[in-house]
N, C-alpha and C. Protein backbone atom coordinates (compact mmCIF):
# COMPACT_ATOMS: atom_id res chain seq x y z
N MET A 1 22.11 -14.77 -41.99
CA MET A 1 22.41 -14.25 -43.25
C MET A 1 21.27 -14.48 -44.22
N PRO A 2 20.77 -13.47 -44.78
CA PRO A 2 19.63 -13.69 -45.86
C PRO A 2 20.05 -14.59 -46.95
N ARG A 3 19.09 -15.26 -47.57
CA ARG A 3 19.46 -16.27 -48.57
C ARG A 3 20.24 -15.74 -49.75
N ARG A 4 19.95 -14.48 -50.19
CA ARG A 4 20.68 -13.80 -51.27
C ARG A 4 22.11 -13.70 -50.96
N GLU A 5 22.43 -13.17 -49.77
CA GLU A 5 23.80 -12.98 -49.34
C GLU A 5 24.53 -14.39 -49.18
N ALA A 6 23.88 -15.31 -48.70
CA ALA A 6 24.47 -16.66 -48.57
C ALA A 6 24.79 -17.20 -49.98
N GLU A 7 23.89 -17.05 -50.91
CA GLU A 7 24.17 -17.48 -52.18
C GLU A 7 25.46 -16.81 -52.82
N HIS A 8 25.42 -15.43 -52.67
CA HIS A 8 26.52 -14.60 -53.17
C HIS A 8 27.88 -15.05 -52.45
N ALA A 9 27.81 -15.34 -51.15
CA ALA A 9 29.01 -15.89 -50.45
C ALA A 9 29.48 -17.21 -51.06
N THR A 10 28.51 -18.13 -51.40
CA THR A 10 28.93 -19.39 -51.84
C THR A 10 29.45 -19.17 -53.09
N GLU A 11 28.85 -18.38 -53.99
CA GLU A 11 29.35 -18.14 -55.41
C GLU A 11 30.86 -17.61 -55.38
N ALA A 12 31.07 -16.66 -54.39
CA ALA A 12 32.39 -16.02 -54.20
C ALA A 12 33.39 -17.15 -53.86
N TRP A 13 32.96 -18.04 -52.92
CA TRP A 13 33.92 -18.93 -52.45
C TRP A 13 34.22 -20.02 -53.55
N LEU A 14 33.23 -20.35 -54.31
CA LEU A 14 33.37 -21.39 -55.48
C LEU A 14 34.29 -20.60 -56.49
N ASP A 15 34.10 -19.41 -56.75
CA ASP A 15 35.03 -18.78 -57.64
C ASP A 15 36.48 -18.82 -57.26
N GLN A 16 36.68 -18.52 -55.90
CA GLN A 16 37.98 -18.53 -55.40
C GLN A 16 38.60 -20.01 -55.41
N ALA A 17 37.84 -20.96 -55.04
CA ALA A 17 38.29 -22.41 -55.08
C ALA A 17 38.63 -22.89 -56.47
N PHE A 18 37.75 -22.63 -57.44
CA PHE A 18 38.03 -23.05 -58.78
C PHE A 18 39.18 -22.26 -59.44
N LEU A 19 39.30 -20.98 -59.06
CA LEU A 19 40.48 -20.18 -59.51
C LEU A 19 41.79 -20.76 -58.97
N ALA A 20 41.75 -21.12 -57.66
CA ALA A 20 42.91 -21.67 -57.06
C ALA A 20 43.32 -23.05 -57.71
N LEU A 21 42.31 -23.78 -58.06
CA LEU A 21 42.54 -25.15 -58.61
C LEU A 21 42.77 -25.02 -60.17
N ALA A 22 42.77 -23.80 -60.70
CA ALA A 22 42.94 -23.76 -62.17
C ALA A 22 44.44 -23.86 -62.56
N ASP A 23 45.33 -23.55 -61.59
CA ASP A 23 46.71 -23.76 -61.82
C ASP A 23 47.29 -25.10 -61.55
N PRO A 24 48.09 -25.70 -62.56
CA PRO A 24 48.62 -27.08 -62.37
C PRO A 24 49.47 -27.26 -61.12
N VAL A 25 50.19 -26.22 -60.83
CA VAL A 25 51.07 -26.42 -59.60
C VAL A 25 50.23 -26.57 -58.32
N ARG A 26 49.19 -25.68 -58.26
CA ARG A 26 48.31 -25.76 -57.10
C ARG A 26 47.54 -27.10 -57.09
N ARG A 27 47.05 -27.56 -58.26
CA ARG A 27 46.49 -28.96 -58.20
C ARG A 27 47.46 -30.07 -57.75
N ALA A 28 48.71 -29.91 -58.19
CA ALA A 28 49.78 -30.89 -57.76
C ALA A 28 49.96 -30.84 -56.24
N ILE A 29 49.88 -29.66 -55.73
CA ILE A 29 50.02 -29.45 -54.26
C ILE A 29 48.85 -30.11 -53.56
N VAL A 30 47.71 -29.85 -54.07
CA VAL A 30 46.48 -30.53 -53.43
C VAL A 30 46.56 -31.97 -53.51
N ALA A 31 47.02 -32.57 -54.71
CA ALA A 31 47.17 -34.04 -54.87
C ALA A 31 48.17 -34.56 -53.95
N ARG A 32 49.32 -33.80 -53.63
CA ARG A 32 50.33 -34.28 -52.66
C ARG A 32 49.79 -34.22 -51.22
N LEU A 33 49.07 -33.20 -50.96
CA LEU A 33 48.49 -33.04 -49.60
C LEU A 33 47.37 -34.09 -49.28
N SER A 34 46.84 -34.68 -50.34
CA SER A 34 45.80 -35.76 -50.10
C SER A 34 46.40 -36.97 -49.51
N ARG A 35 47.81 -37.06 -49.59
CA ARG A 35 48.52 -38.22 -48.90
C ARG A 35 48.96 -37.84 -47.53
N GLY A 36 48.71 -36.57 -47.08
CA GLY A 36 49.09 -36.20 -45.76
C GLY A 36 49.81 -34.78 -45.78
N PRO A 37 49.89 -34.21 -44.47
CA PRO A 37 50.55 -32.91 -44.45
C PRO A 37 52.01 -32.90 -44.93
N ALA A 38 52.38 -31.64 -45.38
CA ALA A 38 53.73 -31.48 -45.93
C ALA A 38 54.22 -30.13 -45.65
N THR A 39 55.46 -29.96 -45.71
CA THR A 39 56.05 -28.66 -45.49
C THR A 39 56.29 -27.90 -46.87
N VAL A 40 56.55 -26.74 -46.85
CA VAL A 40 56.85 -25.97 -48.07
C VAL A 40 57.97 -26.63 -48.82
N ASN A 41 59.04 -27.02 -48.13
CA ASN A 41 60.14 -27.69 -48.67
C ASN A 41 59.63 -28.93 -49.41
N ASP A 42 58.92 -29.81 -48.74
CA ASP A 42 58.39 -30.98 -49.39
C ASP A 42 57.54 -30.75 -50.67
N LEU A 43 56.72 -29.70 -50.48
CA LEU A 43 55.79 -29.34 -51.63
C LEU A 43 56.55 -28.79 -52.76
N ALA A 44 57.68 -28.13 -52.51
CA ALA A 44 58.43 -27.34 -53.58
C ALA A 44 59.37 -28.38 -54.38
N GLU A 45 59.79 -29.47 -53.70
CA GLU A 45 60.75 -30.42 -54.33
C GLU A 45 60.46 -30.77 -55.69
N PRO A 46 59.25 -31.24 -56.04
CA PRO A 46 59.11 -31.74 -57.46
C PRO A 46 58.92 -30.62 -58.55
N HIS A 47 58.87 -29.34 -58.13
CA HIS A 47 58.54 -28.27 -59.10
C HIS A 47 59.94 -27.49 -59.38
N PRO A 48 59.94 -27.11 -60.60
CA PRO A 48 61.10 -26.25 -60.94
C PRO A 48 60.85 -24.79 -60.69
N ILE A 49 60.32 -24.46 -59.56
CA ILE A 49 60.11 -23.04 -59.15
C ILE A 49 60.68 -22.86 -57.72
N THR A 50 60.69 -21.61 -57.29
CA THR A 50 61.38 -21.29 -56.07
C THR A 50 60.34 -21.69 -54.90
N LYS A 51 60.94 -21.71 -53.70
CA LYS A 51 60.12 -22.03 -52.46
C LYS A 51 59.18 -20.84 -52.23
N GLN A 52 59.59 -19.70 -52.56
CA GLN A 52 58.78 -18.44 -52.37
C GLN A 52 57.59 -18.65 -53.37
N ALA A 53 57.74 -19.01 -54.49
CA ALA A 53 56.67 -19.21 -55.44
C ALA A 53 55.64 -20.29 -54.93
N VAL A 54 56.21 -21.33 -54.44
CA VAL A 54 55.35 -22.46 -53.87
C VAL A 54 54.61 -21.86 -52.65
N SER A 55 55.23 -20.96 -51.86
CA SER A 55 54.51 -20.31 -50.71
C SER A 55 53.39 -19.56 -51.14
N ARG A 56 53.64 -18.80 -52.36
CA ARG A 56 52.49 -17.98 -52.83
C ARG A 56 51.35 -18.80 -53.35
N HIS A 57 51.76 -19.95 -53.90
CA HIS A 57 50.67 -20.92 -54.43
C HIS A 57 49.96 -21.43 -53.17
N ILE A 58 50.58 -21.79 -52.16
CA ILE A 58 49.95 -22.24 -50.86
C ILE A 58 49.04 -21.13 -50.38
N GLY A 59 49.53 -19.92 -50.40
CA GLY A 59 48.66 -18.77 -49.95
C GLY A 59 47.34 -18.69 -50.67
N VAL A 60 47.39 -18.88 -52.03
CA VAL A 60 46.26 -18.80 -52.78
C VAL A 60 45.21 -20.02 -52.40
N LEU A 61 45.85 -21.22 -52.31
CA LEU A 61 45.03 -22.28 -51.76
C LEU A 61 44.43 -21.99 -50.40
N GLU A 62 45.25 -21.40 -49.51
CA GLU A 62 44.79 -21.15 -48.12
C GLU A 62 43.70 -20.07 -48.22
N HIS A 63 43.86 -19.06 -49.00
CA HIS A 63 42.78 -17.96 -49.12
C HIS A 63 41.45 -18.59 -49.66
N ALA A 64 41.57 -19.53 -50.49
CA ALA A 64 40.33 -20.32 -50.96
C ALA A 64 39.85 -21.31 -49.90
N GLY A 65 40.47 -21.47 -48.86
CA GLY A 65 40.07 -22.45 -47.87
C GLY A 65 40.33 -23.80 -48.08
N LEU A 66 41.11 -24.16 -49.00
CA LEU A 66 41.41 -25.51 -49.45
C LEU A 66 42.51 -26.17 -48.62
N VAL A 67 43.37 -25.38 -48.07
CA VAL A 67 44.51 -25.81 -47.20
C VAL A 67 44.60 -24.97 -46.06
N SER A 68 45.29 -25.43 -44.95
CA SER A 68 45.60 -24.61 -43.83
C SER A 68 46.89 -24.97 -43.35
N ARG A 69 47.52 -24.02 -42.51
CA ARG A 69 48.90 -24.28 -41.94
C ARG A 69 48.74 -24.37 -40.49
N THR A 70 49.60 -25.21 -39.87
CA THR A 70 49.68 -25.30 -38.40
C THR A 70 51.14 -25.11 -38.01
N ARG A 71 51.34 -24.94 -36.71
CA ARG A 71 52.71 -24.76 -36.24
C ARG A 71 53.07 -25.97 -35.43
N ASP A 72 54.19 -26.62 -35.73
CA ASP A 72 54.70 -27.82 -35.01
C ASP A 72 56.24 -27.51 -34.84
N ALA A 73 56.42 -26.78 -33.60
CA ALA A 73 57.82 -26.40 -33.25
C ALA A 73 58.28 -25.48 -34.32
N GLN A 74 59.36 -25.81 -34.97
CA GLN A 74 59.88 -24.92 -36.08
C GLN A 74 59.18 -25.11 -37.45
N ARG A 75 58.43 -26.23 -37.52
CA ARG A 75 57.84 -26.62 -38.82
C ARG A 75 56.38 -25.93 -38.85
N ARG A 76 56.06 -25.71 -40.13
CA ARG A 76 54.71 -25.15 -40.43
C ARG A 76 54.02 -26.06 -41.50
N PRO A 77 53.62 -27.19 -41.11
CA PRO A 77 53.10 -28.14 -42.15
C PRO A 77 51.74 -27.45 -42.79
N VAL A 78 51.58 -27.89 -43.92
CA VAL A 78 50.37 -27.47 -44.75
C VAL A 78 49.41 -28.68 -44.77
N HIS A 79 48.16 -28.49 -44.41
CA HIS A 79 47.19 -29.56 -44.42
C HIS A 79 46.10 -29.24 -45.45
N LEU A 80 45.56 -30.33 -46.01
CA LEU A 80 44.51 -30.21 -46.99
C LEU A 80 43.19 -30.09 -46.10
N GLU A 81 42.24 -29.30 -46.52
CA GLU A 81 40.86 -29.09 -45.85
C GLU A 81 39.90 -30.02 -46.57
N PRO A 82 39.73 -31.26 -46.24
CA PRO A 82 38.83 -32.17 -47.04
C PRO A 82 37.43 -31.74 -47.04
N GLU A 83 36.87 -31.08 -46.07
CA GLU A 83 35.53 -30.74 -46.02
C GLU A 83 35.26 -29.65 -47.12
N ARG A 84 36.27 -28.87 -47.43
CA ARG A 84 36.16 -27.88 -48.51
C ARG A 84 36.05 -28.51 -49.88
N LEU A 85 36.87 -29.60 -49.98
CA LEU A 85 36.88 -30.35 -51.23
C LEU A 85 35.51 -31.05 -51.39
N GLU A 86 35.08 -31.54 -50.26
CA GLU A 86 33.68 -32.19 -50.26
C GLU A 86 32.67 -31.17 -50.77
N ARG A 87 32.71 -29.97 -50.34
CA ARG A 87 31.76 -29.04 -50.77
C ARG A 87 31.89 -28.70 -52.28
N LEU A 88 33.10 -28.67 -52.89
CA LEU A 88 33.24 -28.62 -54.29
C LEU A 88 32.63 -29.79 -54.96
N THR A 89 32.90 -30.96 -54.42
CA THR A 89 32.38 -32.19 -55.14
C THR A 89 30.86 -32.23 -54.98
N ALA A 90 30.26 -31.74 -53.98
CA ALA A 90 28.77 -31.75 -53.80
C ALA A 90 28.23 -30.77 -54.81
N TRP A 91 28.94 -29.68 -55.07
CA TRP A 91 28.35 -28.67 -56.03
C TRP A 91 28.45 -29.21 -57.43
N ILE A 92 29.49 -29.88 -57.79
CA ILE A 92 29.71 -30.54 -59.10
C ILE A 92 28.59 -31.74 -59.27
N ASP A 93 28.57 -32.53 -58.30
CA ASP A 93 27.65 -33.60 -58.35
C ASP A 93 26.11 -33.20 -58.52
N ARG A 94 25.81 -32.11 -58.06
CA ARG A 94 24.40 -31.55 -58.16
C ARG A 94 24.08 -31.41 -59.58
N TYR A 95 24.98 -30.82 -60.37
CA TYR A 95 24.75 -30.63 -61.74
C TYR A 95 24.95 -31.90 -62.55
N ARG A 96 25.96 -32.60 -62.12
CA ARG A 96 26.14 -33.98 -62.92
C ARG A 96 24.99 -34.86 -62.89
N LEU A 97 24.36 -34.91 -61.68
CA LEU A 97 23.19 -35.74 -61.46
C LEU A 97 22.00 -35.26 -62.26
N VAL A 98 21.79 -33.92 -62.48
CA VAL A 98 20.78 -33.40 -63.22
C VAL A 98 20.91 -33.86 -64.74
N HIS A 99 22.14 -33.78 -65.20
CA HIS A 99 22.46 -34.11 -66.60
C HIS A 99 22.32 -35.61 -66.77
N GLU A 100 22.74 -36.38 -65.78
CA GLU A 100 22.67 -37.85 -65.94
C GLU A 100 21.23 -38.25 -66.07
N THR A 101 20.32 -37.65 -65.22
CA THR A 101 18.88 -37.95 -65.37
C THR A 101 18.38 -37.62 -66.69
N ARG A 102 18.72 -36.50 -67.24
CA ARG A 102 18.25 -36.13 -68.58
C ARG A 102 18.74 -37.06 -69.60
N TYR A 103 19.97 -37.51 -69.60
CA TYR A 103 20.41 -38.49 -70.59
C TYR A 103 19.81 -39.82 -70.41
N ARG A 104 19.49 -40.30 -69.25
CA ARG A 104 18.79 -41.48 -68.96
C ARG A 104 17.41 -41.38 -69.61
N ALA A 105 16.70 -40.27 -69.39
CA ALA A 105 15.34 -40.07 -69.88
C ALA A 105 15.40 -40.07 -71.46
N LEU A 106 16.48 -39.49 -72.03
CA LEU A 106 16.63 -39.47 -73.52
C LEU A 106 16.89 -40.92 -73.97
N ASP A 107 17.71 -41.67 -73.32
CA ASP A 107 18.04 -43.11 -73.61
C ASP A 107 16.65 -43.84 -73.73
N GLU A 108 15.77 -43.69 -72.61
CA GLU A 108 14.56 -44.36 -72.68
C GLU A 108 13.72 -44.03 -73.87
N VAL A 109 13.63 -42.74 -74.28
CA VAL A 109 12.84 -42.30 -75.48
C VAL A 109 13.44 -42.97 -76.69
N LEU A 110 14.81 -42.99 -76.78
CA LEU A 110 15.38 -43.57 -78.05
C LEU A 110 15.17 -45.00 -78.02
N ASP A 111 15.28 -45.76 -76.89
CA ASP A 111 15.13 -47.09 -76.92
C ASP A 111 13.72 -47.47 -77.34
N ALA A 112 12.70 -46.69 -76.88
CA ALA A 112 11.26 -46.90 -77.16
C ALA A 112 10.91 -46.60 -78.55
N ALA A 113 11.71 -45.77 -79.22
CA ALA A 113 11.31 -45.36 -80.63
C ALA A 113 11.53 -46.46 -81.57
N PRO A 114 10.57 -46.62 -82.46
CA PRO A 114 10.75 -47.74 -83.48
C PRO A 114 11.86 -47.39 -84.43
N GLU A 115 12.62 -48.44 -84.85
CA GLU A 115 13.68 -48.24 -85.72
C GLU A 115 13.25 -48.25 -87.14
N PRO A 116 13.80 -47.43 -88.02
CA PRO A 116 13.43 -47.35 -89.43
C PRO A 116 13.87 -48.75 -90.04
N GLU A 117 13.05 -49.21 -91.01
CA GLU A 117 13.38 -50.53 -91.57
C GLU A 117 14.65 -50.55 -92.33
N ASP A 118 15.12 -49.51 -92.89
CA ASP A 118 16.34 -49.62 -93.67
C ASP A 118 17.60 -49.20 -92.82
N ALA A 119 17.37 -48.94 -91.57
CA ALA A 119 18.56 -48.53 -90.68
C ALA A 119 19.25 -49.76 -90.27
N PRO A 120 20.63 -49.64 -90.16
CA PRO A 120 21.32 -50.74 -89.60
C PRO A 120 21.03 -50.99 -88.18
N PRO A 121 21.22 -52.16 -87.66
CA PRO A 121 20.90 -52.42 -86.26
C PRO A 121 21.68 -51.53 -85.25
N ALA A 122 21.08 -51.10 -84.28
CA ALA A 122 21.73 -50.25 -83.17
C ALA A 122 22.74 -51.06 -82.50
N PRO A 123 23.92 -50.40 -82.17
CA PRO A 123 24.80 -51.20 -81.32
C PRO A 123 24.35 -51.53 -80.02
N HIS A 124 24.85 -52.62 -79.53
CA HIS A 124 24.38 -53.16 -78.18
C HIS A 124 24.98 -52.30 -77.07
N ARG A 125 24.18 -51.80 -76.21
CA ARG A 125 24.62 -50.98 -75.07
C ARG A 125 24.72 -51.69 -73.81
N SER A 126 25.69 -51.65 -73.02
CA SER A 126 25.76 -52.36 -71.81
C SER A 126 24.78 -51.68 -70.83
N PRO A 127 24.39 -52.30 -69.73
CA PRO A 127 23.48 -51.66 -68.67
C PRO A 127 24.12 -50.54 -68.02
N GLU A 128 25.47 -50.37 -67.97
CA GLU A 128 26.11 -49.23 -67.28
C GLU A 128 26.00 -47.95 -68.04
N GLU A 129 25.78 -48.01 -69.37
CA GLU A 129 25.64 -46.80 -70.22
C GLU A 129 24.52 -46.06 -70.01
């Protein structure tokens, strides 16, 4: 797949994943599935919506590749796809690290700048900041 097509496919997948996670019910489903597989009944229990509505939410998450369903006799448990969440996290981290680097560079410039004589003393910053 040429690079441009791969970038477009990645962007389309990111759009689907973030759109899927934009809904609070779907985020709650993902949070619940982070503790282990669950059935539609299990996932519907804490929500004041129908099981059919929860199934549609699961379908959106499934279409985005964030969850999958398997068959276990009569049960169809829903499973979280952690590698897809890892891809989202990696995408977010790439931009977070860029901005952290910029803020650290700005901190160094500000720390090296002389303080005006009439300015109050700067608050003490901890090393983690």
